[in-house]
Amino acid sequence: MKQHYVPKVYLKNFGEKNKRTYTIEVYDKQEEKFFKVATDNILAITNLYTLDLPSQKSDNPLAVENVYANFIEPMFDRSVKILFDEKRTYINNLERSEIIISILHLLHRNPHVFSKMIDEHIINIQNLYDHAIKTSETRFNYLDETYLVEDFDIDLIRSEVSSKINKIFRENHLDFTAAFSEMHEFLIIEIHTIKDGSVFFTNDNPVIFDDITSEKSNNPFKRTVEFSLPLSKKHLVKLFHDKNKMVNYIYRHKISNFNVSLINNETISKAKRFVICSENDYQKFLEHKDIIDDTSIHRKMDILKQIIADCERNNSQDDAYYLIKLYYEKYKRQNNDLSKIDEYIMMQEFKKLNAKNKMSKI
């Protein structure tokens, strides 16, 4: 049977209802074309969660599918209704837990996460093999396996690793979700709602996570990680740790057209293949693309100028404000220019300050 790794209960919020089903518009990055499709017929893999029997997890091969269909997906539907209700701010412990599980489960039910894990293992094994060749070793060890240099076959190894990881995925990804949700039990919940005519896109790997304290933000278990997920064409949820905020509260913000384009740009770049958006909305996004891709110092200073004005208007003059103002004034003194060295130092100082601010909230 077809089993969705991005569930229909999520996709319907980006689609149009047609009798008993929903239709979404999709951009295929690989084929570079747009098409319409029922949510029944996309982002699903045959027997993705079906257990191979005998299994230590259950005698029922559809045990995982039943957990999703009977518990997690109805929970997601309940949670989204709360998040969409602008009158709701305070929530109880159960509602908070269900919201967090509903969002985070989308990360570990997606096979793309485990595909990345396979790729990382293959890179590690290949590096060990290359080292063994250089040092004239006949064998090397990786995790619980010993590999002979003479018989080394990276394609065969990839197949074996994939088989192991896929078995782990089927049998244990619900356990990963449970441990993951427990680790992030007290995440802060923010809802960002579009205030104009723009729309959020989503994709085939919709949960985005980032860690501004690390160059490699590939460990979602860290408390410094921030998660974001488009919930509908008009709503996006952000989850993050902050000891200075209330956990049983939904923080609500309005978001402007250009910031939506920045988020959609990341959604497109993180998509493995499919972006859920209409061709018309994609063309509107392209109108901002040149500005988004502009990395010139003049574009950066335009943004800093806006931040300075916002800080002064809101009387929010912290360390970041003074650092931004320092470099903006230097830019103006040097006839609207900044050397490459100064620009590099500025960006490094911004990163350090952002990381410091983040750590202070954990």
Protein backbone atom coordinates (compact mmCIF):
# COMPACT_ATOMS: atom_id res chain seq x y z
CA MET A 1 0.00 0.00 0.00
CA LYS A 2 1.06 3.61 -0.60
CA GLN A 3 2.22 5.33 2.59
CA HIS A 4 2.78 9.08 2.72
CA TYR A 5 6.02 10.47 4.12
CA VAL A 6 4.44 13.94 3.87
CA PRO A 7 0.91 13.22 5.08
CA LYS A 8 -2.28 14.25 3.32
CA VAL A 9 -3.51 15.88 6.54
CA TYR A 10 -0.62 18.34 6.12
CA LEU A 11 -0.79 18.77 2.34
CA LYS A 12 -4.51 19.61 2.30
CA ASN A 13 -3.76 23.03 3.81
CA PHE A 14 -1.94 23.93 0.56
CA GLY A 15 -4.62 22.57 -1.75
CA GLU A 16 -8.15 22.98 -3.03
CA LYS A 17 -10.91 20.61 -1.98
CA ASN A 18 -12.46 18.54 -4.76
CA LYS A 19 -15.28 16.36 -3.41
CA ARG A 20 -13.52 13.95 -1.01
CA THR A 21 -9.94 14.75 -1.96
CA TYR A 22 -7.60 17.72 -2.21
CA THR A 23 -5.62 18.88 -5.23
CA ILE A 24 -2.28 20.69 -4.93
CA GLU A 25 -0.13 22.50 -7.46
CA VAL A 26 3.47 21.31 -7.65
CA TYR A 27 6.75 22.47 -9.17
CA ASP A 28 9.09 19.63 -10.15
CA LYS A 29 12.67 20.93 -9.77
CA GLN A 30 14.08 17.97 -11.66
CA GLU A 31 11.80 18.24 -14.69
CA GLU A 32 11.38 22.03 -14.33
CA LYS A 33 7.63 21.86 -14.85
CA PHE A 34 4.38 22.53 -12.97
CA PHE A 35 1.48 20.13 -12.58
CA LYS A 36 -1.63 19.51 -10.48
CA VAL A 37 -2.10 16.31 -8.51
CA ALA A 38 -4.38 14.84 -5.86
CA THR A 39 -2.72 14.55 -2.46
CA ASP A 40 -3.42 10.79 -2.64
CA ASN A 41 -0.91 10.44 -5.47
CA ILE A 42 2.24 12.27 -4.39
CA LEU A 43 4.90 12.12 -1.67
CA ALA A 44 4.14 8.49 -0.93
CA ILE A 45 6.15 5.27 -1.22
CA THR A 46 4.76 1.74 -1.37
CA ASN A 47 5.19 -0.05 1.99
CA LEU A 48 7.47 2.69 3.34
CA TYR A 49 6.51 1.92 6.96
CA THR A 50 5.43 -1.70 6.52
CA LEU A 51 7.39 -3.91 8.90
CA ASP A 52 9.23 -6.98 7.66
CA LEU A 53 8.07 -9.97 9.67
CA PRO A 54 9.20 -11.33 11.99
CA SER A 55 9.79 -7.99 13.73
CA GLN A 56 10.73 -7.15 17.31
CA LYS A 57 8.33 -4.21 17.17
CA SER A 58 5.04 -5.90 16.32
CA ASP A 59 3.35 -8.93 14.79
CA ASN A 60 1.31 -6.54 12.66
CA PRO A 61 3.23 -5.33 9.57
CA LEU A 62 1.02 -2.20 9.48
CA ALA A 63 1.64 -1.25 13.12
CA VAL A 64 3.51 1.96 12.25
CA GLU A 65 0.98 2.96 9.59
CA ASN A 66 -1.81 2.46 12.15
CA VAL A 67 -0.07 4.72 14.68
CA TYR A 68 0.09 7.48 12.07
CA ALA A 69 -3.46 7.01 10.79
CA ASN A 70 -5.19 6.56 14.16
CA PHE A 71 -3.17 8.78 16.50
CA ILE A 72 -0.56 11.16 15.08
CA GLU A 73 -2.43 12.49 12.03
CA PRO A 74 -5.65 13.24 13.97
CA MET A 75 -3.41 14.91 16.56
CA PHE A 76 -1.86 17.03 13.80
CA ASP A 77 -5.34 18.09 12.62
CA ARG A 78 -6.31 19.16 16.17
CA SER A 79 -3.07 21.04 16.67
CA VAL A 80 -3.28 22.95 13.40
CA LYS A 81 -6.80 24.15 14.24
CA ILE A 82 -5.43 25.65 17.47
CA LEU A 83 -2.49 27.26 15.68
CA PHE A 84 -4.76 28.76 12.99
CA ASP A 85 -7.13 30.26 15.59
CA GLU A 86 -5.88 33.82 16.14
CA LYS A 87 -7.94 34.06 19.33
CA ARG A 88 -5.88 31.29 20.93
CA THR A 89 -2.75 32.30 22.80
CA TYR A 90 -2.73 30.36 26.07
CA ILE A 91 -2.62 26.57 25.75
CA ASN A 92 -2.51 23.75 28.29
CA ASN A 93 0.22 21.12 28.71
CA LEU A 94 -1.55 18.51 26.60
CA GLU A 95 -2.17 20.95 23.74
CA ARG A 96 1.46 22.09 23.84
CA SER A 97 2.75 18.50 23.78
CA GLU A 98 0.47 17.57 20.88
CA ILE A 99 1.51 20.63 18.88
CA ILE A 100 5.21 19.86 19.32
CA ILE A 101 4.84 16.14 18.50
CA SER A 102 2.65 16.99 15.49
CA ILE A 103 5.30 19.28 14.04
CA LEU A 104 8.45 17.33 14.90
CA HIS A 105 7.15 13.94 13.78
CA LEU A 106 7.29 15.22 10.19
CA LEU A 107 11.09 15.24 10.41
CA HIS A 108 11.67 11.61 11.32
CA ARG A 109 8.90 10.06 9.23
CA ASN A 110 10.58 11.48 6.13
CA PRO A 111 13.04 9.07 4.42
CA HIS A 112 15.12 12.00 3.14
CA VAL A 113 16.52 12.36 6.67
CA PHE A 114 17.74 8.78 6.58
CA SER A 115 19.06 9.20 3.03
CA LYS A 116 21.35 11.90 4.38
CA MET A 117 22.46 9.47 7.07
CA ILE A 118 23.33 6.86 4.40
CA ASP A 119 25.33 9.45 2.43
CA GLU A 120 27.28 10.45 5.56
CA HIS A 121 28.15 6.81 6.34
CA ILE A 122 29.32 6.23 2.76
CA ILE A 123 31.54 9.33 2.87
CA ASN A 124 33.07 8.13 6.17
CA ILE A 125 33.71 4.63 4.79
CA GLN A 126 35.22 6.01 1.57
CA ASN A 127 37.56 8.27 3.58
CA LEU A 128 38.70 5.33 5.71
CA TYR A 129 39.34 3.28 2.57
CA ASP A 130 41.39 6.11 1.02
CA HIS A 131 43.41 6.35 4.24
CA ALA A 132 44.00 2.59 4.26
CA ILE A 133 45.30 2.76 0.67
CA LYS A 134 47.72 5.57 1.58
CA THR A 135 49.02 3.73 4.64
CA SER A 136 49.16 0.31 2.88
CA GLU A 137 46.71 -1.27 5.35
CA THR A 138 44.87 -4.43 4.33
CA ARG A 139 41.69 -3.76 6.31
CA PHE A 140 39.88 -1.09 8.28
CA ASN A 141 36.99 -0.95 10.76
CA TYR A 142 33.89 1.21 10.71
CA LEU A 143 31.30 0.90 13.48
CA ASP A 144 30.69 -2.88 13.84
CA GLU A 145 32.05 -3.84 10.40
CA THR A 146 35.51 -4.81 9.15
CA TYR A 147 36.25 -4.05 5.47
CA LEU A 148 39.00 -5.71 3.43
CA VAL A 149 40.80 -3.27 1.13
CA GLU A 150 41.26 -5.96 -1.53
CA ASP A 151 37.51 -6.65 -1.75
CA PHE A 152 36.36 -3.05 -1.39
CA ASP A 153 33.25 -2.29 -3.48
CA ILE A 154 31.60 1.02 -2.62
CA ASP A 155 28.40 0.22 -4.57
CA LEU A 156 27.93 -3.06 -2.69
CA ILE A 157 28.66 -1.31 0.60
CA ARG A 158 26.12 1.42 -0.17
CA SER A 159 23.51 -1.27 -0.83
CA GLU A 160 24.30 -3.01 2.48
CA VAL A 161 24.28 0.26 4.46
CA SER A 162 21.02 1.32 2.80
CA SER A 163 19.41 -1.97 3.74
CA LYS A 164 20.45 -1.58 7.39
CA ILE A 165 19.37 2.07 7.60
CA ASN A 166 16.02 1.33 5.94
CA LYS A 167 15.35 -1.42 8.48
CA ILE A 168 16.23 0.99 11.29
CA PHE A 169 13.95 3.59 9.71
CA ARG A 170 10.96 1.24 9.54
CA GLU A 171 11.33 -0.20 13.02
CA ASN A 172 12.69 2.72 15.05
CA HIS A 173 11.73 6.07 13.60
CA LEU A 174 8.71 6.34 15.91
CA ASP A 175 11.11 5.79 18.82
CA PHE A 176 13.31 8.57 17.42
CA THR A 177 10.29 10.85 17.26
CA ALA A 178 9.37 10.08 20.87
CA ALA A 179 12.91 10.74 22.13
CA PHE A 180 13.16 13.81 19.93
CA SER A 181 9.89 15.28 21.22
CA GLU A 182 10.90 14.59 24.82
CA MET A 183 14.23 16.37 24.26
CA HIS A 184 12.36 19.38 22.84
CA GLU A 185 9.37 19.21 25.19
CA PHE A 186 9.53 22.88 26.16
CA LEU A 187 9.97 24.53 22.79
CA ILE A 188 8.55 28.02 22.32
CA ILE A 189 5.78 28.22 19.71
CA GLU A 190 5.57 31.13 17.27
CA ILE A 191 3.02 31.54 14.48
CA HIS A 192 3.84 33.88 11.59
CA THR A 193 0.82 34.95 9.53
CA ILE A 194 1.08 36.70 6.16
CA LYS A 195 -0.44 40.19 6.20
CA ASP A 196 -0.61 40.73 2.42
CA GLY A 197 -1.37 38.75 -0.74
CA SER A 198 1.76 36.55 -0.77
CA VAL A 199 1.72 32.84 0.13
CA PHE A 200 4.04 30.31 1.72
CA PHE A 201 5.38 27.40 -0.32
CA THR A 202 6.18 23.99 1.11
CA ASN A 203 8.06 20.95 -0.22
CA ASP A 204 8.77 17.22 0.00
CA ASN A 205 10.96 17.66 3.10
CA PRO A 206 9.03 20.43 4.86
CA VAL A 207 10.61 20.77 8.33
CA ILE A 208 13.60 23.09 8.16
CA PHE A 209 16.01 23.25 11.08
CA ASP A 210 18.94 25.58 11.62
CA ASP A 211 21.54 26.22 14.31
CA ILE A 212 23.16 29.67 14.24
CA THR A 213 25.71 28.57 16.85
CA SER A 214 27.29 26.02 14.50
CA GLU A 215 28.66 25.96 10.97
CA LYS A 216 27.16 22.48 10.56
CA SER A 217 23.52 22.61 11.66
CA ASN A 218 22.88 18.90 11.01
CA ASN A 219 22.06 17.76 14.55
CA PRO A 220 18.37 18.41 15.30
CA PHE A 221 18.73 17.13 18.87
CA LYS A 222 20.71 20.20 19.98
CA ARG A 223 18.81 22.74 22.07
CA THR A 224 20.26 25.56 19.98
CA VAL A 225 18.40 24.35 16.88
CA GLU A 226 15.36 26.27 15.60
CA PHE A 227 12.65 24.52 13.57
CA SER A 228 10.28 26.05 11.04
CA LEU A 229 7.42 24.59 9.05
CA PRO A 230 4.95 26.23 6.64
CA LEU A 231 1.52 25.12 7.91
CA SER A 232 -0.60 26.58 5.11
CA LYS A 233 -0.39 29.18 2.39
CA LYS A 234 -0.81 31.84 5.08
CA HIS A 235 0.79 30.37 8.23
CA LEU A 236 4.25 29.26 9.32
CA VAL A 237 5.23 27.87 12.72
CA LYS A 238 8.62 28.33 14.38
CA LEU A 239 9.79 26.26 17.36
CA PHE A 240 12.83 27.14 19.46
CA HIS A 241 14.16 27.09 23.01
CA ASP A 242 14.08 30.35 24.97
CA LYS A 243 14.08 30.37 28.77
CA ASN A 244 12.81 33.94 28.76
CA LYS A 245 9.48 33.08 27.08
CA MET A 246 6.36 31.20 28.24
CA VAL A 247 6.03 27.63 27.03
CA ASN A 248 2.24 27.36 27.28
CA TYR A 249 1.69 30.32 24.98
CA ILE A 250 1.43 30.88 21.23
CA TYR A 251 3.36 33.96 20.14
CA ARG A 252 1.76 35.46 17.04
CA HIS A 253 3.41 37.76 14.48
CA LYS A 254 2.55 39.25 11.11
CA ILE A 255 5.06 38.78 8.29
CA SER A 256 5.60 40.90 5.17
CA ASN A 257 5.85 39.98 1.51
CA PHE A 258 9.65 40.14 1.20
CA ASN A 259 10.26 38.04 4.32
CA VAL A 260 7.87 35.46 2.90
CA SER A 261 10.00 35.41 -0.27
CA LEU A 262 13.14 34.80 1.85
CA ILE A 263 11.44 31.82 3.51
CA ASN A 264 10.16 30.48 0.17
CA ASN A 265 13.67 30.76 -1.24
CA GLU A 266 14.92 28.43 1.50
CA THR A 267 11.94 26.11 0.98
CA ILE A 268 12.82 25.80 -2.70
CA SER A 269 16.52 25.24 -2.04
CA LYS A 270 15.84 22.55 0.62
CA ALA A 271 13.31 20.66 -1.52
CA LYS A 272 14.62 17.31 -2.74
CA ARG A 273 12.48 17.45 -5.86
CA PHE A 274 8.94 18.80 -5.33
CA VAL A 275 7.88 22.31 -4.28
CA ILE A 276 4.20 22.79 -3.45
CA CYS A 277 3.24 26.09 -5.09
CA SER A 278 1.36 27.42 -8.11
CA GLU A 279 3.11 28.61 -11.24
CA ASN A 280 1.62 32.08 -10.72
CA ASP A 281 2.95 32.33 -7.14
CA TYR A 282 6.34 31.03 -8.28
CA GLN A 283 6.56 33.77 -10.92
CA LYS A 284 5.76 36.38 -8.27
CA PHE A 285 8.53 34.94 -6.11
CA LEU A 286 11.01 35.33 -8.99
CA GLU A 287 10.37 39.08 -8.90
CA HIS A 288 12.24 39.14 -5.56
CA LYS A 289 14.88 36.57 -6.54
CA ASP A 290 17.48 39.06 -7.81
CA ILE A 291 17.26 41.03 -4.56
CA ILE A 292 17.49 37.84 -2.46
CA ASP A 293 20.56 36.68 -4.39
CA ASP A 294 22.23 40.10 -4.23
CA THR A 295 25.20 39.68 -1.85
CA SER A 296 26.77 43.07 -2.59
CA ILE A 297 27.88 45.27 0.31
CA HIS A 298 25.38 47.92 -0.81
CA ARG A 299 22.48 45.48 -0.45
CA LYS A 300 23.73 44.42 3.00
CA MET A 301 23.99 48.04 4.10
CA ASP A 302 20.46 48.78 2.90
CA ILE A 303 19.26 45.99 5.20
CA LEU A 304 21.38 47.29 8.11
CA LYS A 305 19.95 50.77 7.59
CA GLN A 306 16.42 49.37 7.91
CA ILE A 307 17.38 47.45 11.08
CA ILE A 308 18.88 50.59 12.64
CA ALA A 309 15.70 52.55 11.89
CA ASP A 310 13.50 49.77 13.36
CA CYS A 311 15.64 49.60 16.53
CA GLU A 312 15.53 53.36 17.05
CA ARG A 313 11.78 53.49 16.38
CA ASN A 314 11.16 50.69 18.91
CA ASN A 315 13.79 51.99 21.37
CA SER A 316 15.52 48.61 21.15
CA GLN A 317 19.20 49.50 21.24
CA ASP A 318 21.12 46.39 22.29
CA ASP A 319 24.60 45.06 21.46
CA ALA A 320 23.47 44.06 17.96
CA TYR A 321 22.19 47.58 17.30
CA TYR A 322 25.51 49.18 18.26
CA LEU A 323 27.52 46.68 16.20
CA ILE A 324 25.32 47.26 13.15
CA LYS A 325 25.50 51.03 13.57
CA LEU A 326 29.31 50.90 13.93
CA TYR A 327 29.76 49.24 10.54
CA TYR A 328 27.05 51.24 8.82
CA GLU A 329 28.69 54.52 9.89
CA LYS A 330 32.07 53.20 8.75
CA TYR A 331 30.50 52.37 5.38
CA LYS A 332 29.13 55.91 5.05
CA ARG A 333 32.46 57.50 6.09
CA GLN A 334 34.22 55.52 3.35
CA ASN A 335 31.99 56.91 0.58
CA ASN A 336 29.49 54.04 0.70
CA ASP A 337 32.12 51.34 0.64
CA LEU A 338 33.64 48.73 2.92
CA SER A 339 36.77 46.71 2.29
CA LYS A 340 36.51 42.95 1.84
CA ILE A 341 38.46 42.48 5.07
CA ASP A 342 36.10 44.75 7.00
CA GLU A 343 33.10 43.00 5.45
CA TYR A 344 34.47 39.59 6.48
CA ILE A 345 35.19 40.78 10.04
CA MET A 346 31.73 42.34 10.25
CA MET A 347 30.02 39.08 9.23
CA GLN A 348 32.12 37.05 11.69
CA GLU A 349 31.24 39.45 14.52
CA PHE A 350 27.55 39.21 13.62
CA LYS A 351 27.77 35.40 13.74
CA LYS A 352 29.51 35.46 17.13
CA LEU A 353 26.99 37.90 18.56
CA ASN A 354 24.02 35.90 17.25
CA ALA A 355 25.48 32.70 18.71
CA LYS A 356 26.11 34.44 22.05
CA ASN A 357 22.56 35.77 22.17
CA LYS A 358 21.19 32.34 21.30
CA MET A 359 23.21 30.60 24.02
CA SER A 360 22.03 33.13 26.61
CA LYS A 361 18.43 32.04 26.00
CA ILE A 362 18.99 28.29 26.36
